[in-house]
Amino acid sequence: MLSKQEQRHIYYDHDLKIEAYQLSGIVQKFPNHFHEYYVIGFIKGGRRHLQCKGQEYDLASKDMILFNPHDNHFCAPINDELLDYRAVNINKDIMQKMVYQITGQDYLPYFKQNVVYQCDISTSIDELYHAIVHQADKLKKEETFFFLLEQILKDYSAPFQDVALPQPRIEIQYLCDYMNEHYQENINLDDLCSMTHFSQSYLLRTFTKQVGISPYRYLQTIRIDQSKKLLESGIPPVEVAHLTGFSDQSHFTNFFKEFIGITPKQYQNIFKEGDDDE
């Protein structure tokens, strides 16, 4: 049951093919996880403690947040302050198309910093969010989206292929690939150890250090990402739970809300023309 002041909304824009996201009046902690898409957001009110890729930040109003795909992060309230947050989520294919339109070059960008304090661009994010929520003219939305990305690409990004990112050792990458392919199965620690020469303790420590997230959280994140794709295609949540390796629908719903902030059904509704999460 939501409190009277708590709001959780997510909207899908069928013109831009991106999600607009609002969380307000909440104190929920979000676990260590990552997304397969880009996130551009800002704090509208309240303070949060964020940890992203081993770096820690205290966030306040007007601070901008930039997440690349697979940037692991988690956050919690400071002094139980209520969060007010806005963001847009952009799939990699849409981002690549926009980059080409803006720069004339075909590449995926890499955000060079995850937090920009007291950033004026937060106003542009808010403008795009409201344009989507209030169903502004298509040209208005396209223009707002274009200029927002143009500024971020210019000031805070580089081509992904030009950035020297640390890579996990081959055994750890193999385990990631295995979980990406077998997320429906009941994978356990012995299964993972059998694919390497690692002990359980060494595997857990090494995987978490090199990937930034524990094997269990990695698996659950993959399951949630796959579930979003199935929900978008219209498959009922009870079937999605089974198809993505969750023990039952209740287990699935609890994890989905813990990671995403809303229920699977609320998320599914945003892809229906004219519907939102209400």
C-alpha atoms as a PDB file:
ATOM      1  CA  MET A   1       0.000   0.000   0.000  1.00  0.00           C
ATOM      2  CA  LEU A   2       1.502   3.317  -1.053  1.00  0.00           C
ATOM      3  CA  SER A   3       1.544   6.182   1.403  1.00  0.00           C
ATOM      4  CA  LYS A   4      -0.440   9.246   0.373  1.00  0.00           C
ATOM      5  CA  GLN A   5       2.729  11.177  -0.379  1.00  0.00           C
ATOM      6  CA  GLU A   6       4.521   8.328  -2.185  1.00  0.00           C
ATOM      7  CA  GLN A   7       4.427   8.245  -5.984  1.00  0.00           C
ATOM      8  CA  ARG A   8       5.986   5.778  -8.397  1.00  0.00           C
ATOM      9  CA  HIS A   9       5.384   6.427 -12.081  1.00  0.00           C
ATOM     10  CA  ILE A  10       6.940   5.185 -15.275  1.00  0.00           C
ATOM     11  CA  TYR A  11       5.834   6.164 -18.763  1.00  0.00           C
ATOM     12  CA  TYR A  12       6.816   4.839 -22.182  1.00  0.00           C
ATOM     13  CA  ASP A  13       6.940   7.323 -25.026  1.00  0.00           C
ATOM     14  CA  HIS A  14       5.944   5.587 -28.255  1.00  0.00           C
ATOM     15  CA  ASP A  15       7.432   8.390 -30.389  1.00  0.00           C
ATOM     16  CA  LEU A  16      10.880   8.568 -28.786  1.00  0.00           C
ATOM     17  CA  LYS A  17      10.865   4.924 -27.632  1.00  0.00           C
ATOM     18  CA  ILE A  18      12.292   5.807 -24.227  1.00  0.00           C
ATOM     19  CA  GLU A  19      11.012   5.571 -20.653  1.00  0.00           C
ATOM     20  CA  ALA A  20      10.370   8.501 -18.332  1.00  0.00           C
ATOM     21  CA  TYR A  21      10.638   7.637 -14.665  1.00  0.00           C
ATOM     22  CA  GLN A  22       9.528   9.309 -11.441  1.00  0.00           C
ATOM     23  CA  LEU A  23       9.977   8.309  -7.820  1.00  0.00           C
ATOM     24  CA  SER A  24       8.849  10.774  -5.188  1.00  0.00           C
ATOM     25  CA  GLY A  25       8.124  10.638  -1.477  1.00  0.00           C
ATOM     26  CA  ILE A  26       9.972   7.345  -0.996  1.00  0.00           C
ATOM     27  CA  VAL A  27      12.734   6.174   1.324  1.00  0.00           C
ATOM     28  CA  GLN A  28      13.318   2.823  -0.397  1.00  0.00           C
ATOM     29  CA  LYS A  29      16.861   1.523  -0.664  1.00  0.00           C
ATOM     30  CA  PHE A  30      17.854   0.061  -4.016  1.00  0.00           C
ATOM     31  CA  PRO A  31      20.216  -2.936  -4.012  1.00  0.00           C
ATOM     32  CA  ASN A  32      23.447  -3.219  -5.935  1.00  0.00           C
ATOM     33  CA  HIS A  33      22.408  -3.822  -9.546  1.00  0.00           C
ATOM     34  CA  PHE A  34      22.907  -2.586 -13.092  1.00  0.00           C
ATOM     35  CA  HIS A  35      20.836  -1.899 -16.190  1.00  0.00           C
ATOM     36  CA  GLU A  36      21.218  -2.905 -19.822  1.00  0.00           C
ATOM     37  CA  TYR A  37      20.274   0.641 -20.842  1.00  0.00           C
ATOM     38  CA  TYR A  38      21.500   4.198 -20.285  1.00  0.00           C
ATOM     39  CA  VAL A  39      20.032   6.290 -17.463  1.00  0.00           C
ATOM     40  CA  ILE A  40      20.006  10.088 -17.393  1.00  0.00           C
ATOM     41  CA  GLY A  41      18.433  11.404 -14.211  1.00  0.00           C
ATOM     42  CA  PHE A  42      18.561  14.022 -11.491  1.00  0.00           C
ATOM     43  CA  ILE A  43      17.615  14.555  -7.881  1.00  0.00           C
ATOM     44  CA  LYS A  44      14.687  16.943  -7.612  1.00  0.00           C
ATOM     45  CA  GLY A  45      14.442  16.751  -3.834  1.00  0.00           C
ATOM     46  CA  GLY A  46      15.809  14.855  -0.855  1.00  0.00           C
ATOM     47  CA  ARG A  47      19.329  13.535  -0.334  1.00  0.00           C
ATOM     48  CA  ARG A  48      20.677  10.100  -1.255  1.00  0.00           C
ATOM     49  CA  HIS A  49      23.908   8.217  -0.727  1.00  0.00           C
ATOM     50  CA  LEU A  50      24.980   6.567  -3.977  1.00  0.00           C
ATOM     51  CA  GLN A  51      27.706   4.044  -4.590  1.00  0.00           C
ATOM     52  CA  CYS A  52      28.608   3.409  -8.221  1.00  0.00           C
ATOM     53  CA  LYS A  53      31.550   1.352  -9.472  1.00  0.00           C
ATOM     54  CA  GLY A  54      33.280   1.617  -6.113  1.00  0.00           C
ATOM     55  CA  GLN A  55      32.907   5.398  -5.796  1.00  0.00           C
ATOM     56  CA  GLU A  56      30.649   7.026  -3.206  1.00  0.00           C
ATOM     57  CA  TYR A  57      28.574  10.179  -3.589  1.00  0.00           C
ATOM     58  CA  ASP A  58      26.163  12.191  -1.449  1.00  0.00           C
ATOM     59  CA  LEU A  59      23.496  13.574  -3.739  1.00  0.00           C
ATOM     60  CA  ALA A  60      21.149  16.533  -3.338  1.00  0.00           C
ATOM     61  CA  SER A  61      18.775  18.634  -5.404  1.00  0.00           C
ATOM     62  CA  LYS A  62      19.945  19.434  -8.989  1.00  0.00           C
ATOM     63  CA  ASP A  63      22.669  16.753  -8.995  1.00  0.00           C
ATOM     64  CA  MET A  64      22.672  14.840 -12.297  1.00  0.00           C
ATOM     65  CA  ILE A  65      23.191  11.076 -12.517  1.00  0.00           C
ATOM     66  CA  LEU A  66      24.559   9.318 -15.604  1.00  0.00           C
ATOM     67  CA  PHE A  67      24.645   5.510 -15.804  1.00  0.00           C
ATOM     68  CA  ASN A  68      26.105   3.506 -18.663  1.00  0.00           C
ATOM     69  CA  PRO A  69      24.807   0.003 -19.349  1.00  0.00           C
ATOM     70  CA  HIS A  70      26.300  -2.333 -16.709  1.00  0.00           C
ATOM     71  CA  ASP A  71      27.380   0.452 -14.338  1.00  0.00           C
ATOM     72  CA  ASN A  72      26.677  -1.256 -11.012  1.00  0.00           C
ATOM     73  CA  HIS A  73      25.160   1.009  -8.377  1.00  0.00           C
ATOM     74  CA  PHE A  74      23.046   1.125  -5.246  1.00  0.00           C
ATOM     75  CA  CYS A  75      21.620   3.949  -3.172  1.00  0.00           C
ATOM     76  CA  ALA A  76      19.963   4.703   0.153  1.00  0.00           C
ATOM     77  CA  PRO A  77      18.373   7.744   1.794  1.00  0.00           C
ATOM     78  CA  ILE A  78      20.347  10.118   3.990  1.00  0.00           C
ATOM     79  CA  ASN A  79      18.649  10.700   7.354  1.00  0.00           C
ATOM     80  CA  ASP A  80      15.479   9.048   5.965  1.00  0.00           C
ATOM     81  CA  GLU A  81      14.842  12.015   3.684  1.00  0.00           C
ATOM     82  CA  LEU A  82      12.153  11.451   1.062  1.00  0.00           C
ATOM     83  CA  LEU A  83      13.485  11.061  -2.463  1.00  0.00           C
ATOM     84  CA  ASP A  84      12.143  13.011  -5.436  1.00  0.00           C
ATOM     85  CA  TYR A  85      13.805  11.703  -8.604  1.00  0.00           C
ATOM     86  CA  ARG A  86      13.293  12.025 -12.357  1.00  0.00           C
ATOM     87  CA  ALA A  87      15.039  10.082 -15.112  1.00  0.00           C
ATOM     88  CA  VAL A  88      14.851   8.860 -18.672  1.00  0.00           C
ATOM     89  CA  ASN A  89      15.940   5.334 -19.626  1.00  0.00           C
ATOM     90  CA  ILE A  90      17.390   4.904 -23.119  1.00  0.00           C
ATOM     91  CA  ASN A  91      18.020   1.543 -24.784  1.00  0.00           C
ATOM     92  CA  LYS A  92      21.343   1.102 -26.567  1.00  0.00           C
ATOM     93  CA  ASP A  93      19.827   0.959 -30.056  1.00  0.00           C
ATOM     94  CA  ILE A  94      17.985   4.260 -29.557  1.00  0.00           C
ATOM     95  CA  MET A  95      21.103   5.853 -28.075  1.00  0.00           C
ATOM     96  CA  GLN A  96      23.213   4.757 -31.042  1.00  0.00           C
ATOM     97  CA  LYS A  97      20.691   6.202 -33.514  1.00  0.00           C
ATOM     98  CA  MET A  98      20.602   9.499 -31.635  1.00  0.00           C
ATOM     99  CA  VAL A  99      24.393   9.688 -31.473  1.00  0.00           C
ATOM    100  CA  TYR A 100      24.544   9.287 -35.245  1.00  0.00           C
ATOM    101  CA  GLN A 101      21.934  12.012 -35.763  1.00  0.00           C
ATOM    102  CA  ILE A 102      23.779  14.390 -33.424  1.00  0.00           C
ATOM    103  CA  THR A 103      27.409  13.683 -34.333  1.00  0.00           C
ATOM    104  CA  GLY A 104      27.279  11.982 -37.739  1.00  0.00           C
ATOM    105  CA  GLN A 105      29.304   9.118 -36.240  1.00  0.00           C
ATOM    106  CA  ASP A 106      28.171   5.569 -35.519  1.00  0.00           C
ATOM    107  CA  TYR A 107      29.122   4.634 -31.961  1.00  0.00           C
ATOM    108  CA  LEU A 108      27.795   4.008 -28.473  1.00  0.00           C
ATOM    109  CA  PRO A 109      28.803   6.690 -25.958  1.00  0.00           C
ATOM    110  CA  TYR A 110      30.402   6.132 -22.581  1.00  0.00           C
ATOM    111  CA  PHE A 111      29.528   8.566 -19.799  1.00  0.00           C
ATOM    112  CA  LYS A 112      32.860   9.553 -18.277  1.00  0.00           C
ATOM    113  CA  GLN A 113      31.416  10.477 -14.887  1.00  0.00           C
ATOM    114  CA  ASN A 114      28.395   9.160 -13.044  1.00  0.00           C
ATOM    115  CA  VAL A 115      27.551  12.256 -11.017  1.00  0.00           C
ATOM    116  CA  VAL A 116      27.615  15.940 -11.926  1.00  0.00           C
ATOM    117  CA  TYR A 117      26.893  18.115  -8.917  1.00  0.00           C
ATOM    118  CA  GLN A 118      24.556  21.120  -9.168  1.00  0.00           C
ATOM    119  CA  CYS A 119      24.142  20.649 -12.895  1.00  0.00           C
ATOM    120  CA  ASP A 120      22.065  23.030 -15.016  1.00  0.00           C
ATOM    121  CA  ILE A 121      21.289  20.145 -17.397  1.00  0.00           C
ATOM    122  CA  SER A 122      18.892  18.816 -14.743  1.00  0.00           C
ATOM    123  CA  THR A 123      16.435  21.456 -15.967  1.00  0.00           C
ATOM    124  CA  SER A 124      16.549  19.922 -19.456  1.00  0.00           C
ATOM    125  CA  ILE A 125      15.927  16.437 -18.056  1.00  0.00           C
ATOM    126  CA  ASP A 126      12.905  17.753 -16.186  1.00  0.00           C
ATOM    127  CA  GLU A 127      11.654  19.428 -19.353  1.00  0.00           C
ATOM    128  CA  LEU A 128      11.903  16.168 -21.304  1.00  0.00           C
ATOM    129  CA  TYR A 129      10.197  14.248 -18.493  1.00  0.00           C
ATOM    130  CA  HIS A 130       7.240  16.654 -18.477  1.00  0.00           C
ATOM    131  CA  ALA A 131       7.030  16.685 -22.277  1.00  0.00           C
ATOM    132  CA  ILE A 132       6.627  12.899 -22.220  1.00  0.00           C
ATOM    133  CA  VAL A 133       4.225  12.763 -19.267  1.00  0.00           C
ATOM    134  CA  HIS A 134       1.969  15.503 -20.642  1.00  0.00           C
ATOM    135  CA  GLN A 135       2.093  14.103 -24.181  1.00  0.00           C
ATOM    136  CA  ALA A 136       3.534  17.181 -25.826  1.00  0.00           C
ATOM    137  CA  ASP A 137       3.690  17.487 -29.607  1.00  0.00           C
ATOM    138  CA  LYS A 138       6.065  15.004 -31.198  1.00  0.00           C
ATOM    139  CA  LEU A 139       8.309  17.812 -32.488  1.00  0.00           C
ATOM    140  CA  LYS A 140       8.562  19.299 -28.985  1.00  0.00           C
ATOM    141  CA  LYS A 141       9.620  15.932 -27.534  1.00  0.00           C
ATOM    142  CA  GLU A 142      12.100  15.228 -30.332  1.00  0.00           C
ATOM    143  CA  GLU A 143      13.691  18.655 -30.032  1.00  0.00           C
ATOM    144  CA  THR A 144      13.975  18.471 -26.248  1.00  0.00           C
ATOM    145  CA  PHE A 145      15.489  14.982 -26.403  1.00  0.00           C
ATOM    146  CA  PHE A 146      17.953  16.037 -29.125  1.00  0.00           C
ATOM    147  CA  PHE A 147      19.284  19.089 -27.294  1.00  0.00           C
ATOM    148  CA  LEU A 148      19.546  17.225 -23.980  1.00  0.00           C
ATOM    149  CA  LEU A 149      21.644  14.449 -25.497  1.00  0.00           C
ATOM    150  CA  GLU A 150      23.701  16.883 -27.557  1.00  0.00           C
ATOM    151  CA  GLN A 151      24.842  18.698 -24.436  1.00  0.00           C
ATOM    152  CA  ILE A 152      25.578  15.527 -22.466  1.00  0.00           C
ATOM    153  CA  LEU A 153      27.497  13.946 -25.347  1.00  0.00           C
ATOM    154  CA  LYS A 154      29.557  17.085 -25.761  1.00  0.00           C
ATOM    155  CA  ASP A 155      30.425  17.602 -22.098  1.00  0.00           C
ATOM    156  CA  TYR A 156      30.375  14.190 -20.439  1.00  0.00           C
ATOM    157  CA  SER A 157      30.937  11.354 -22.897  1.00  0.00           C
ATOM    158  CA  ALA A 158      33.427   9.652 -25.172  1.00  0.00           C
ATOM    159  CA  PRO A 159      33.016   6.843 -27.732  1.00  0.00           C
ATOM    160  CA  PHE A 160      32.767   3.540 -25.867  1.00  0.00           C
ATOM    161  CA  GLN A 161      35.559   1.985 -27.954  1.00  0.00           C
ATOM    162  CA  ASP A 162      37.945   4.805 -26.988  1.00  0.00           C
ATOM    163  CA  VAL A 163      37.636   4.176 -23.246  1.00  0.00           C
ATOM    164  CA  ALA A 164      40.052   1.727 -21.616  1.00  0.00           C
ATOM    165  CA  LEU A 165      37.766  -0.141 -19.225  1.00  0.00           C
ATOM    166  CA  PRO A 166      39.029  -2.864 -16.876  1.00  0.00           C
ATOM    167  CA  GLN A 167      37.913  -6.312 -17.992  1.00  0.00           C
ATOM    168  CA  PRO A 168      37.243  -9.281 -15.692  1.00  0.00           C
ATOM    169  CA  ARG A 169      39.576 -12.258 -16.024  1.00  0.00           C
ATOM    170  CA  ILE A 170      38.501 -14.866 -18.537  1.00  0.00           C
ATOM    171  CA  GLU A 171      37.059 -17.288 -15.944  1.00  0.00           C
ATOM    172  CA  ILE A 172      34.843 -14.578 -14.463  1.00  0.00           C
ATOM    173  CA  GLN A 173      33.649 -13.463 -17.890  1.00  0.00           C
ATOM    174  CA  TYR A 174      32.805 -17.092 -18.672  1.00  0.00           C
ATOM    175  CA  LEU A 175      30.613 -17.256 -15.563  1.00  0.00           C
ATOM    176  CA  CYS A 176      28.853 -14.024 -16.594  1.00  0.00           C
ATOM    177  CA  ASP A 177      28.217 -15.430 -20.062  1.00  0.00           C
ATOM    178  CA  TYR A 178      26.927 -18.666 -18.556  1.00  0.00           C
ATOM    179  CA  MET A 179      24.431 -16.850 -16.327  1.00  0.00           C
ATOM    180  CA  ASN A 180      23.334 -14.687 -19.257  1.00  0.00           C
ATOM    181  CA  GLU A 181      22.422 -17.856 -21.159  1.00  0.00           C
ATOM    182  CA  HIS A 182      21.114 -20.030 -18.288  1.00  0.00           C
ATOM    183  CA  TYR A 183      19.285 -17.472 -16.117  1.00  0.00           C
ATOM    184  CA  GLN A 184      16.125 -19.636 -16.199  1.00  0.00           C
ATOM    185  CA  GLU A 185      17.891 -22.438 -14.331  1.00  0.00           C
ATOM    186  CA  ASN A 186      18.387 -22.918 -10.586  1.00  0.00           C
ATOM    187  CA  ILE A 187      22.090 -22.032 -10.592  1.00  0.00           C
ATOM    188  CA  ASN A 188      24.035 -22.541  -7.366  1.00  0.00           C
ATOM    189  CA  LEU A 189      27.537 -21.806  -6.144  1.00  0.00           C
ATOM    190  CA  ASP A 190      28.750 -25.367  -6.698  1.00  0.00           C
ATOM    191  CA  ASP A 191      27.676 -25.092 -10.347  1.00  0.00           C
ATOM    192  CA  LEU A 192      29.784 -21.968 -10.794  1.00  0.00           C
ATOM    193  CA  CYS A 193      32.786 -23.388  -8.977  1.00  0.00           C
ATOM    194  CA  SER A 194      32.683 -26.511 -11.147  1.00  0.00           C
ATOM    195  CA  MET A 195      33.299 -24.331 -14.210  1.00  0.00           C
ATOM    196  CA  THR A 196      36.504 -22.927 -12.719  1.00  0.00           C
ATOM    197  CA  HIS A 197      39.299 -24.056 -10.422  1.00  0.00           C
ATOM    198  CA  PHE A 198      38.138 -21.545  -7.783  1.00  0.00           C
ATOM    199  CA  SER A 199      37.023 -22.317  -4.251  1.00  0.00           C
ATOM    200  CA  GLN A 200      33.667 -20.887  -3.196  1.00  0.00           C
ATOM    201  CA  SER A 201      35.196 -18.101  -1.108  1.00  0.00           C
ATOM    202  CA  TYR A 202      37.707 -17.133  -3.802  1.00  0.00           C
ATOM    203  CA  LEU A 203      35.017 -17.155  -6.497  1.00  0.00           C
ATOM    204  CA  LEU A 204      32.687 -14.928  -4.481  1.00  0.00           C
ATOM    205  CA  ARG A 205      35.409 -12.427  -3.602  1.00  0.00           C
ATOM    206  CA  THR A 206      36.946 -12.344  -7.084  1.00  0.00           C
ATOM    207  CA  PHE A 207      33.654 -12.134  -8.977  1.00  0.00           C
ATOM    208  CA  THR A 208      32.336  -9.349  -6.758  1.00  0.00           C
ATOM    209  CA  LYS A 209      35.568  -7.359  -6.977  1.00  0.00           C
ATOM    210  CA  GLN A 210      35.942  -7.639 -10.753  1.00  0.00           C
ATOM    211  CA  VAL A 211      32.286  -7.330 -11.798  1.00  0.00           C
ATOM    212  CA  GLY A 212      31.260  -4.929  -9.030  1.00  0.00           C
ATOM    213  CA  ILE A 213      28.315  -7.091  -7.996  1.00  0.00           C
ATOM    214  CA  SER A 214      27.980 -10.548  -6.421  1.00  0.00           C
ATOM    215  CA  PRO A 215      27.103 -13.603  -8.565  1.00  0.00           C
ATOM    216  CA  TYR A 216      23.624 -13.813  -7.016  1.00  0.00           C
ATOM    217  CA  ARG A 217      22.895 -10.121  -7.646  1.00  0.00           C
ATOM    218  CA  TYR A 218      24.280 -10.494 -11.167  1.00  0.00           C
ATOM    219  CA  LEU A 219      21.919 -13.397 -11.876  1.00  0.00           C
ATOM    220  CA  GLN A 220      18.908 -11.579 -10.431  1.00  0.00           C
ATOM    221  CA  THR A 221      19.724  -8.463 -12.454  1.00  0.00           C
ATOM    222  CA  ILE A 222      19.857 -10.516 -15.661  1.00  0.00           C
ATOM    223  CA  ARG A 223      16.523 -12.122 -14.755  1.00  0.00           C
ATOM    224  CA  ILE A 224      14.901  -8.737 -14.137  1.00  0.00           C
ATOM    225  CA  ASP A 225      16.228  -7.390 -17.442  1.00  0.00           C
ATOM    226  CA  GLN A 226      14.879 -10.406 -19.332  1.00  0.00           C
ATOM    227  CA  SER A 227      11.559 -10.122 -17.531  1.00  0.00           C
ATOM    228  CA  LYS A 228      11.171  -6.518 -18.697  1.00  0.00           C
ATOM    229  CA  LYS A 229      11.490  -7.631 -22.314  1.00  0.00           C
ATOM    230  CA  LEU A 230       8.851 -10.332 -21.813  1.00  0.00           C
ATOM    231  CA  LEU A 231       6.487  -7.948 -20.037  1.00  0.00           C
ATOM    232  CA  GLU A 232       6.876  -5.473 -22.892  1.00  0.00           C
ATOM    233  CA  SER A 233       5.783  -8.186 -25.325  1.00  0.00           C
ATOM    234  CA  GLY A 234       2.562  -8.717 -23.363  1.00  0.00           C
ATOM    235  CA  ILE A 235       3.287 -12.017 -21.586  1.00  0.00           C
ATOM    236  CA  PRO A 236       1.376 -12.183 -18.260  1.00  0.00           C
ATOM    237  CA  PRO A 237       3.538 -11.622 -15.145  1.00  0.00           C
ATOM    238  CA  VAL A 238       2.792 -15.100 -13.762  1.00  0.00           C
ATOM    239  CA  GLU A 239       4.266 -16.645 -16.919  1.00  0.00           C
ATOM    240  CA  VAL A 240       7.184 -14.210 -16.938  1.00  0.00           C
ATOM    241  CA  ALA A 241       8.073 -15.306 -13.397  1.00  0.00           C
ATOM    242  CA  HIS A 242       8.339 -18.923 -14.559  1.00  0.00           C
ATOM    243  CA  LEU A 243      10.223 -18.060 -17.758  1.00  0.00           C
ATOM    244  CA  THR A 244      12.886 -16.051 -15.939  1.00  0.00           C
ATOM    245  CA  GLY A 245      13.749 -18.489 -13.168  1.00  0.00           C
ATOM    246  CA  PHE A 246      11.802 -17.074 -10.217  1.00  0.00           C
ATOM    247  CA  SER A 247      10.206 -19.584  -7.854  1.00  0.00           C
ATOM    248  CA  ASP A 248       6.749 -17.971  -8.029  1.00  0.00           C
ATOM    249  CA  GLN A 249       4.974 -14.754  -8.963  1.00  0.00           C
ATOM    250  CA  SER A 250       5.249 -13.306  -5.452  1.00  0.00           C
ATOM    251  CA  HIS A 251       9.026 -13.831  -5.442  1.00  0.00           C
ATOM    252  CA  PHE A 252       9.235 -12.223  -8.884  1.00  0.00           C
ATOM    253  CA  THR A 253       7.079  -9.229  -7.913  1.00  0.00           C
ATOM    254  CA  ASN A 254       9.112  -8.549  -4.776  1.00  0.00           C
ATOM    255  CA  PHE A 255      12.418  -8.597  -6.653  1.00  0.00           C
ATOM    256  CA  PHE A 256      11.065  -6.535  -9.546  1.00  0.00           C
ATOM    257  CA  LYS A 257       9.831  -3.788  -7.229  1.00  0.00           C
ATOM    258  CA  GLU A 258      13.066  -3.897  -5.237  1.00  0.00           C
ATOM    259  CA  PHE A 259      15.133  -3.346  -8.404  1.00  0.00           C
ATOM    260  CA  ILE A 260      12.826  -1.174 -10.537  1.00  0.00           C
ATOM    261  CA  GLY A 261      10.617   0.584  -7.983  1.00  0.00           C
ATOM    262  CA  ILE A 262       7.242  -0.533  -9.404  1.00  0.00           C
ATOM    263  CA  THR A 263       5.408  -3.845  -9.866  1.00  0.00           C
ATOM    264  CA  PRO A 264       5.673  -5.990 -13.031  1.00  0.00           C
ATOM    265  CA  LYS A 265       2.032  -5.224 -13.902  1.00  0.00           C
ATOM    266  CA  GLN A 266       2.586  -1.491 -13.573  1.00  0.00           C
ATOM    267  CA  TYR A 267       5.618  -1.795 -15.832  1.00  0.00           C
ATOM    268  CA  GLN A 268       3.707  -3.839 -18.418  1.00  0.00           C
ATOM    269  CA  ASN A 269       0.917  -1.273 -18.570  1.00  0.00           C
ATOM    270  CA  ILE A 270       3.190   1.495 -19.854  1.00  0.00           C
ATOM    271  CA  PHE A 271       3.504  -0.220 -23.231  1.00  0.00           C
ATOM    272  CA  LYS A 272      -0.230  -0.056 -23.858  1.00  0.00           C
ATOM    273  CA  GLU A 273      -1.182   3.012 -25.894  1.00  0.00           C
ATOM    274  CA  GLY A 274      -2.801   5.569 -23.644  1.00  0.00           C
ATOM    275  CA  ASP A 275      -1.991   3.728 -20.411  1.00  0.00           C
ATOM    276  CA  ASP A 276       0.480   4.532 -17.665  1.00  0.00           C
ATOM    277  CA  ASP A 277       1.168   2.913 -14.347  1.00  0.00           C
ATOM    278  CA  GLU A 278      -1.962   4.120 -12.599  1.00  0.00           C
END
